[in-house]
PDB file of N, CA and C in Angstrom:
ATOM      1  N   ILE A   1       0.849  -1.207   0.000  1.00  0.00           N
ATOM      2  CA  ILE A   1       0.000   0.000   0.000  1.00  0.00           C
ATOM      3  C   ILE A   1       0.880   1.250   0.000  1.00  0.00           C
ATOM      4  N   ARG A   2       1.922   1.236   0.801  1.00  0.00           N
ATOM      5  CA  ARG A   2       2.802   2.412   0.835  1.00  0.00           C
ATOM      6  C   ARG A   2       3.428   2.642  -0.541  1.00  0.00           C
ATOM      7  N   ASP A   3       3.829   1.549  -1.187  1.00  0.00           N
ATOM      8  CA  ASP A   3       4.426   1.713  -2.518  1.00  0.00           C
ATOM      9  C   ASP A   3       3.415   2.337  -3.478  1.00  0.00           C
ATOM     10  N   LEU A   4       2.174   1.896  -3.393  1.00  0.00           N
ATOM     11  CA  LEU A   4       1.155   2.458  -4.275  1.00  0.00           C
ATOM     12  C   LEU A   4       1.001   3.954  -4.021  1.00  0.00           C
ATOM     13  N   HIS A   5       0.957   4.340  -2.756  1.00  0.00           N
ATOM     14  CA  HIS A   5       0.828   5.765  -2.440  1.00  0.00           C
ATOM     15  C   HIS A   5       2.009   6.544  -3.006  1.00  0.00           C
ATOM     16  N   ARG A   6       3.202   5.973  -2.884  1.00  0.00           N
ATOM     17  CA  ARG A   6       4.386   6.664  -3.416  1.00  0.00           C
ATOM     18  C   ARG A   6       4.278   6.791  -4.931  1.00  0.00           C
ATOM     19  N   GLN A   7       3.870   5.700  -5.596  1.00  0.00           N
ATOM     20  CA  GLN A   7       3.743   5.756  -7.054  1.00  0.00           C
ATOM     21  C   GLN A   7       2.691   6.783  -7.456  1.00  0.00           C
ATOM     22  N   ILE A   8       1.570   6.782  -6.755  1.00  0.00           N
ATOM     23  CA  ILE A   8       0.514   7.750  -7.074  1.00  0.00           C
ATOM     24  C   ILE A   8       1.028   9.176  -6.878  1.00  0.00           C
ATOM     25  N   ALA A   9       1.733   9.406  -5.783  1.00  0.00           N
ATOM     26  CA  ALA A   9       2.259  10.747  -5.522  1.00  0.00           C
ATOM     27  C   ALA A   9       3.220  11.166  -6.636  1.00  0.00           C
ATOM     28  N   SER A  10       4.082  10.235  -7.043  1.00  0.00           N
ATOM     29  CA  SER A  10       5.039  10.569  -8.102  1.00  0.00           C
ATOM     30  C   SER A  10       4.300  10.844  -9.410  1.00  0.00           C
ATOM     31  N   LEU A  11       3.276  10.036  -9.706  1.00  0.00           N
ATOM     32  CA  LEU A  11       2.509  10.266 -10.930  1.00  0.00           C
ATOM     33  C   LEU A  11       1.813  11.626 -10.883  1.00  0.00           C
ATOM     34  N   VAL A  12       1.244  11.951  -9.730  1.00  0.00           N
ATOM     35  CA  VAL A  12       0.571  13.248  -9.592  1.00  0.00           C
ATOM     36  C   VAL A  12       1.567  14.379  -9.825  1.00  0.00           C
ATOM     37  N   ASN A  13       2.754  14.234  -9.249  1.00  0.00           N
ATOM     38  CA  ASN A  13       3.773  15.274  -9.445  1.00  0.00           C
ATOM     39  C   ASN A  13       4.135  15.387 -10.920  1.00  0.00           C
ATOM     40  N   GLN A  14       4.287  14.245 -11.590  1.00  0.00           N
ATOM     41  CA  GLN A  14       4.631  14.276 -13.009  1.00  0.00           C
ATOM     42  C   GLN A  14       3.524  14.954 -13.807  1.00  0.00           C
ATOM     43  N   VAL A  15       2.277  14.629 -13.476  1.00  0.00           N
ATOM     44  CA  VAL A  15       1.155  15.231 -14.206  1.00  0.00           C
ATOM     45  C   VAL A  15       1.149  16.745 -14.012  1.00  0.00           C
ATOM     46  N   HIS A  16       1.353  17.185 -12.768  1.00  0.00           N
ATOM     47  CA  HIS A  16       1.374  18.628 -12.511  1.00  0.00           C
ATOM     48  C   HIS A  16       2.495  19.293 -13.310  1.00  0.00           C
ATOM     49  N   ARG A  17       3.659  18.651 -13.343  1.00  0.00           N
ATOM     50  CA  ARG A  17       4.770  19.230 -14.108  1.00  0.00           C
ATOM     51  C   ARG A  17       4.418  19.297 -15.585  1.00  0.00           C
ATOM     52  N   LEU A  18       3.830  18.216 -16.101  1.00  0.00           N
ATOM     53  CA  LEU A  18       3.487  18.193 -17.523  1.00  0.00           C
ATOM     54  C   LEU A  18       2.441  19.259 -17.837  1.00  0.00           C
ATOM     55  N   THR A  19       1.452  19.399 -16.971  1.00  0.00           N
ATOM     56  CA  THR A  19       0.418  20.400 -17.231  1.00  0.00           C
ATOM     57  C   THR A  19       1.022  21.804 -17.229  1.00  0.00           C
ATOM     58  N   GLN A  20       1.926  22.070 -16.298  1.00  0.00           N
ATOM     59  CA  GLN A  20       2.574  23.383 -16.258  1.00  0.00           C
ATOM     60  C   GLN A  20       3.398  23.594 -17.529  1.00  0.00           C
ATOM     61  N   GLU A  21       4.144  22.555 -17.948  1.00  0.00           N
ATOM     62  CA  GLU A  21       4.943  22.686 -19.165  1.00  0.00           C
ATOM     63  C   GLU A  21       4.031  22.911 -20.367  1.00  0.00           C
ATOM     64  N   ASN A  22       2.922  22.169 -20.434  1.00  0.00           N
ATOM     65  CA  ASN A  22       1.998  22.336 -21.551  1.00  0.00           C
ATOM     66  C   ASN A  22       1.429  23.750 -21.564  1.00  0.00           C
ATOM     67  N   ALA A  23       1.079  24.263 -20.404  1.00  0.00           N
ATOM     68  CA  ALA A  23       0.533  25.622 -20.338  1.00  0.00           C
ATOM     69  C   ALA A  23       1.565  26.626 -20.847  1.00  0.00           C
ATOM     70  N   GLU A  24       2.818  26.454 -20.424  1.00  0.00           N
ATOM     71  CA  GLU A  24       3.862  27.374 -20.875  1.00  0.00           C
ATOM     72  C   GLU A  24       4.071  27.238 -22.381  1.00  0.00           C
ATOM     73  N   LEU A  25       4.104  25.991 -22.876  1.00  0.00           N
ATOM     74  CA  LEU A  25       4.304  25.781 -24.304  1.00  0.00           C
ATOM     75  C   LEU A  25       3.142  26.381 -25.091  1.00  0.00           C
ATOM     76  N   ARG A  26       1.921  26.171 -24.600  1.00  0.00           N
ATOM     77  CA  ARG A  26       0.770  26.713 -25.317  1.00  0.00           C
ATOM     78  C   ARG A  26       0.825  28.232 -25.355  1.00  0.00           C
ATOM     79  N   SER A  27       1.176  28.862 -24.237  1.00  0.00           N
ATOM     80  CA  SER A  27       1.248  30.321 -24.216  1.00  0.00           C
ATOM     81  C   SER A  27       2.324  30.803 -25.188  1.00  0.00           C
ATOM     82  N   ASN A  28       3.459  30.092 -25.222  1.00  0.00           N
ATOM     83  CA  ASN A  28       4.525  30.478 -26.143  1.00  0.00           C
ATOM     84  C   ASN A  28       4.080  30.271 -27.584  1.00  0.00           C
ATOM     85  N   VAL A  29       3.418  29.147 -27.850  1.00  0.00           N
ATOM     86  CA  VAL A  29       2.963  28.879 -29.214  1.00  0.00           C
ATOM     87  C   VAL A  29       1.952  29.935 -29.644  1.00  0.00           C
ATOM     88  N   VAL A  30       1.047  30.283 -28.752  1.00  0.00           N
ATOM     89  CA  VAL A  30       0.040  31.290 -29.092  1.00  0.00           C
ATOM     90  C   VAL A  30       0.728  32.606 -29.436  1.00  0.00           C
ATOM     91  N   LEU A  31       1.706  33.002 -28.640  1.00  0.00           N
ATOM     92  CA  LEU A  31       2.392  34.265 -28.897  1.00  0.00           C
ATOM     93  C   LEU A  31       3.152  34.206 -30.214  1.00  0.00           C
ATOM     94  N   THR A  32       3.813  33.069 -30.491  1.00  0.00           N
ATOM     95  CA  THR A  32       4.655  32.990 -31.684  1.00  0.00           C
ATOM     96  C   THR A  32       3.813  32.791 -32.938  1.00  0.00           C
ATOM     97  N   THR A  33       2.706  32.047 -32.846  1.00  0.00           N
ATOM     98  CA  THR A  33       1.948  31.725 -34.051  1.00  0.00           C
ATOM     99  C   THR A  33       0.925  32.806 -34.372  1.00  0.00           C
ATOM    100  N   GLU A  34       0.301  33.410 -33.348  1.00  0.00           N
ATOM    101  CA  GLU A  34      -0.792  34.336 -33.627  1.00  0.00           C
ATOM    102  C   GLU A  34      -0.300  35.753 -33.925  1.00  0.00           C
ATOM    103  N   SER A  35       0.662  36.257 -33.155  1.00  0.00           N
ATOM    104  CA  SER A  35       1.017  37.662 -33.314  1.00  0.00           C
ATOM    105  C   SER A  35       1.680  37.962 -34.667  1.00  0.00           C
ATOM    106  N   PRO A  36       2.698  37.221 -35.117  1.00  0.00           N
ATOM    107  CA  PRO A  36       3.318  37.583 -36.390  1.00  0.00           C
ATOM    108  C   PRO A  36       2.386  37.424 -37.591  1.00  0.00           C
ATOM    109  N   PRO A  37       1.624  36.310 -37.721  1.00  0.00           N
ATOM    110  CA  PRO A  37       0.754  36.175 -38.890  1.00  0.00           C
ATOM    111  C   PRO A  37      -0.293  37.284 -38.960  1.00  0.00           C
ATOM    112  N   ILE A  38      -0.826  37.696 -37.826  1.00  0.00           N
ATOM    113  CA  ILE A  38      -1.848  38.750 -37.845  1.00  0.00           C
ATOM    114  C   ILE A  38      -1.258  40.025 -38.454  1.00  0.00           C
ATOM    115  N   SER A  39      -0.074  40.417 -38.014  1.00  0.00           N
ATOM    116  CA  SER A  39       0.531  41.640 -38.537  1.00  0.00           C
ATOM    117  C   SER A  39       0.943  41.451 -39.994  1.00  0.00           C
ATOM    118  N   ALA A  40       1.313  40.224 -40.367  1.00  0.00           N
ATOM    119  CA  ALA A  40       1.777  39.989 -41.732  1.00  0.00           C
ATOM    120  C   ALA A  40       0.605  39.764 -42.677  1.00  0.00           C
ATOM    121  N   GLU A  41      -0.482  39.152 -42.176  1.00  0.00           N
ATOM    122  CA  GLU A  41      -1.587  38.818 -43.071  1.00  0.00           C
ATOM    123  C   GLU A  41      -2.523  40.008 -43.293  1.00  0.00           C
ATOM    124  N   LEU A  42      -2.698  40.848 -42.268  1.00  0.00           N
ATOM    125  CA  LEU A  42      -3.665  41.937 -42.406  1.00  0.00           C
ATOM    126  C   LEU A  42      -3.370  42.817 -43.623  1.00  0.00           C
ATOM    127  N   PRO A  43      -2.167  43.343 -43.794  1.00  0.00           N
ATOM    128  CA  PRO A  43      -1.920  44.195 -44.963  1.00  0.00           C
ATOM    129  C   PRO A  43      -2.051  43.423 -46.266  1.00  0.00           C
ATOM    130  N   SER A  44      -1.593  42.162 -46.297  1.00  0.00           N
ATOM    131  CA  SER A  44      -1.660  41.393 -47.540  1.00  0.00           C
ATOM    132  C   SER A  44      -3.106  41.053 -47.874  1.00  0.00           C
ATOM    133  N   ARG A  45      -3.932  40.823 -46.847  1.00  0.00           N
ATOM    134  CA  ARG A  45      -5.335  40.489 -47.110  1.00  0.00           C
ATOM    135  C   ARG A  45      -6.135  41.739 -47.485  1.00  0.00           C
ATOM    136  N   GLN A  46      -5.785  42.868 -46.901  1.00  0.00           N
ATOM    137  CA  GLN A  46      -6.562  44.076 -47.168  1.00  0.00           C
ATOM    138  C   GLN A  46      -6.362  44.544 -48.613  1.00  0.00           C
ATOM    139  N   SER A  47      -5.145  44.484 -49.117  1.00  0.00           N
ATOM    140  CA  SER A  47      -4.906  45.009 -50.462  1.00  0.00           C
ATOM    141  C   SER A  47      -5.635  44.192 -51.532  1.00  0.00           C
ATOM    142  N   PRO A  48      -5.590  42.854 -51.520  1.00  0.00           N
ATOM    143  CA  PRO A  48      -6.333  42.118 -52.543  1.00  0.00           C
ATOM    144  C   PRO A  48      -7.845  42.286 -52.393  1.00  0.00           C
ATOM    145  N   ARG A  49      -8.323  42.430 -51.171  1.00  0.00           N
ATOM    146  CA  ARG A  49      -9.760  42.616 -50.989  1.00  0.00           C
ATOM    147  C   ARG A  49     -10.204  43.979 -51.532  1.00  0.00           C
ATOM    148  N   LYS A  50      -9.401  45.006 -51.311  1.00  0.00           N
ATOM    149  CA  LYS A  50      -9.790  46.340 -51.772  1.00  0.00           C
ATOM    150  C   LYS A  50      -9.756  46.411 -53.307  1.00  0.00           C
ATOM    151  N   ASP A  51      -8.786  45.757 -53.930  1.00  0.00           N
ATOM    152  CA  ASP A  51      -8.665  45.854 -55.388  1.00  0.00           C
ATOM    153  C   ASP A  51      -9.910  45.324 -56.104  1.00  0.00           C
ATOM    154  N   PRO A  52     -10.386  44.108 -55.799  1.00  0.00           N
ATOM    155  CA  PRO A  52     -11.558  43.606 -56.535  1.00  0.00           C
ATOM    156  C   PRO A  52     -12.853  44.325 -56.151  1.00  0.00           C
ATOM    157  N   THR A  53     -12.943  44.851 -54.939  1.00  0.00           N
ATOM    158  CA  THR A  53     -14.211  45.456 -54.519  1.00  0.00           C
ATOM    159  C   THR A  53     -14.411  46.818 -55.184  1.00  0.00           C
ATOM    160  N   PHE A  54     -13.368  47.637 -55.317  1.00  0.00           N
ATOM    161  CA  PHE A  54     -13.546  48.978 -55.873  1.00  0.00           C
ATOM    162  C   PHE A  54     -13.907  48.941 -57.364  1.00  0.00           C
ATOM    163  N   PRO A  55     -13.210  48.192 -58.190  1.00  0.00           N
ATOM    164  CA  PRO A  55     -13.580  48.171 -59.626  1.00  0.00           C
ATOM    165  C   PRO A  55     -14.792  47.254 -59.866  1.00  0.00           C
TER     166      PRO A  55
END
């Protein structure tokens, strides 16, 4: 029983570490993937949209 408790405690610790790492990775991915494309895509998307709509 003691061994099981130790294993469970270690697993819980591992899960907490993994969840924290995943949260950090997700926040980093969101910052790296969302911010640059938005600034890069907005001007490129606006110009082609304006060209066909005006004529």
